[in-house]
C-alpha atoms as a PDB file:
ATOM      1  CA  MET A   1     -18.742 174.464 104.965  1.00  0.00           C
ATOM      2  CA  MET A   2     -15.375 173.781 103.366  1.00  0.00           C
ATOM      3  CA  ALA A   3     -15.035 171.203 100.581  1.00  0.00           C
ATOM      4  CA  PRO A   4     -13.883 167.811 101.906  1.00  0.00           C
ATOM      5  CA  TRP A   5     -10.898 167.681  99.544  1.00  0.00           C
ATOM      6  CA  ARG A   6      -9.733 171.056 100.832  1.00  0.00           C
ATOM      7  CA  THR A   7      -9.814 169.977 104.482  1.00  0.00           C
ATOM      8  CA  SER A   8      -8.004 166.730 103.578  1.00  0.00           C
ATOM      9  CA  TYR A   9      -5.364 168.770 101.758  1.00  0.00           C
ATOM     10  CA  GLN A  10      -4.975 171.062 104.794  1.00  0.00           C
ATOM     11  CA  CYS A  11      -4.613 168.074 107.105  1.00  0.00           C
ATOM     12  CA  GLY A  12      -1.921 166.603 104.912  1.00  0.00           C
ATOM     13  CA  ARG A  13      -0.111 169.902 104.675  1.00  0.00           C
ATOM     14  CA  ILE A  14      -0.183 170.394 108.448  1.00  0.00           C
ATOM     15  CA  VAL A  15       1.068 166.831 109.087  1.00  0.00           C
ATOM     16  CA  ARG A  16       3.924 167.232 106.571  1.00  0.00           C
ATOM     17  CA  GLU A  17       4.902 170.564 108.125  1.00  0.00           C
ATOM     18  CA  ALA A  18       4.814 169.026 111.617  1.00  0.00           C
ATOM     19  CA  GLN A  19       7.060 166.198 110.459  1.00  0.00           C
ATOM     20  CA  ARG A  20       9.449 168.650 108.844  1.00  0.00           C
ATOM     21  CA  LEU A  21       9.663 170.644 112.062  1.00  0.00           C
ATOM     22  CA  ALA A  22      10.250 167.469 114.094  1.00  0.00           C
ATOM     23  CA  ARG A  23      13.087 166.381 111.789  1.00  0.00           C
ATOM     24  CA  SER A  24      14.705 169.822 112.056  1.00  0.00           C
ATOM     25  CA  GLY A  25      16.057 169.061 115.533  1.00  0.00           C
ATOM     26  CA  ARG A  26      14.822 172.428 116.883  1.00  0.00           C
ATOM     27  CA  HIS A  27      12.116 170.902 119.078  1.00  0.00           C
ATOM     28  CA  THR A  28      12.392 168.474 121.985  1.00  0.00           C
ATOM     29  CA  ASP A  29       8.811 167.162 121.589  1.00  0.00           C
ATOM     30  CA  CYS A  30       5.474 167.785 119.867  1.00  0.00           C
ATOM     31  CA  THR A  31       4.425 170.578 122.243  1.00  0.00           C
ATOM     32  CA  GLY A  32       6.635 173.212 120.656  1.00  0.00           C
ATOM     33  CA  ILE A  33       5.710 172.019 117.166  1.00  0.00           C
ATOM     34  CA  ILE A  34       1.992 172.292 117.854  1.00  0.00           C
ATOM     35  CA  ARG A  35       2.503 175.742 119.354  1.00  0.00           C
ATOM     36  CA  GLU A  36       4.355 176.806 116.200  1.00  0.00           C
ATOM     37  CA  LEU A  37       1.717 175.302 113.924  1.00  0.00           C
ATOM     38  CA  GLU A  38      -1.141 177.108 115.624  1.00  0.00           C
ATOM     39  CA  ALA A  39      -0.188 180.189 113.599  1.00  0.00           C
ATOM     40  CA  VAL A  40      -0.445 178.286 110.286  1.00  0.00           C
ATOM     41  CA  VAL A  41      -3.601 178.897 108.249  1.00  0.00           C
ATOM     42  CA  GLY A  42      -5.785 175.796 108.354  1.00  0.00           C
ATOM     43  CA  PHE A  43      -4.384 174.390 111.591  1.00  0.00           C
ATOM     44  CA  ASP A  44      -7.712 174.654 113.434  1.00  0.00           C
ATOM     45  CA  THR A  45      -9.516 172.872 110.635  1.00  0.00           C
ATOM     46  CA  ALA A  46      -6.898 170.115 110.563  1.00  0.00           C
ATOM     47  CA  ARG A  47      -7.007 169.712 114.345  1.00  0.00           C
ATOM     48  CA  GLU A  48     -10.796 169.423 114.287  1.00  0.00           C
ATOM     49  CA  ARG A  49     -10.649 166.872 111.460  1.00  0.00           C
ATOM     50  CA  LEU A  50      -8.035 164.613 113.033  1.00  0.00           C
ATOM     51  CA  GLU A  51      -9.640 162.156 115.383  1.00  0.00           C
ATOM     52  CA  ASP A  52      -8.313 161.939 118.936  1.00  0.00           C
ATOM     53  CA  ARG A  53      -6.671 158.585 118.179  1.00  0.00           C
ATOM     54  CA  ALA A  54      -5.003 159.912 115.031  1.00  0.00           C
ATOM     55  CA  LEU A  55      -3.832 163.013 116.889  1.00  0.00           C
ATOM     56  CA  ARG A  56      -2.315 160.898 119.667  1.00  0.00           C
ATOM     57  CA  ALA A  57      -0.539 158.760 117.079  1.00  0.00           C
ATOM     58  CA  LEU A  58       0.781 161.872 115.313  1.00  0.00           C
ATOM     59  CA  ARG A  59       2.050 163.312 118.591  1.00  0.00           C
ATOM     60  CA  ALA A  60       3.873 160.071 119.358  1.00  0.00           C
ATOM     61  CA  GLN A  61       5.397 160.047 115.880  1.00  0.00           C
ATOM     62  CA  LEU A  62       6.506 163.670 116.231  1.00  0.00           C
ATOM     63  CA  ASP A  63       8.084 162.946 119.607  1.00  0.00           C
ATOM     64  CA  ARG A  64      10.067 160.041 118.076  1.00  0.00           C
ATOM     65  CA  LEU A  65      11.160 162.168 115.126  1.00  0.00           C
ATOM     66  CA  CYS A  66      12.283 164.932 117.484  1.00  0.00           C
ATOM     67  CA  ALA A  67      14.317 162.478 119.545  1.00  0.00           C
ATOM     68  CA  MET A  68      15.913 160.978 116.453  1.00  0.00           C
ATOM     69  CA  ALA A  69      16.734 164.394 115.013  1.00  0.00           C
ATOM     70  CA  ARG A  70      18.213 165.626 118.277  1.00  0.00           C
ATOM     71  CA  ALA A  71      20.236 162.410 118.699  1.00  0.00           C
ATOM     72  CA  GLY A  72      21.577 162.812 115.171  1.00  0.00           C
ATOM     73  CA  THR A  73      22.417 166.459 115.819  1.00  0.00           C
ATOM     74  CA  THR A  74      24.145 165.586 119.082  1.00  0.00           C
ATOM     75  CA  ALA A  75      26.117 162.756 117.470  1.00  0.00           C
ATOM     76  CA  THR A  76      27.169 165.005 114.606  1.00  0.00           C
ATOM     77  CA  ALA A  77      28.233 167.754 117.025  1.00  0.00           C
ATOM     78  CA  ARG A  78      30.320 165.277 119.029  1.00  0.00           C
ATOM     79  CA  ARG A  79      32.173 164.113 115.901  1.00  0.00           C
ATOM     80  CA  ALA A  80      33.057 167.635 114.807  1.00  0.00           C
END
């Protein structure tokens, strides 16, 4: 069994990485981000630890961040 602080740290690290990927503008929604994160060490532990409700909220947040990033990228590209 892994120490609770270690799993909490891994969850936080995975969430921060997911948010960073969403803000990058490379993904249209959370599906691609989750697929990319599956290769990250600790992802399975973080996924198990996040409750279904928290995971749904995170997915919704990632989808919003993706949309905002892509809208910003599109607006910047139009101005150039």
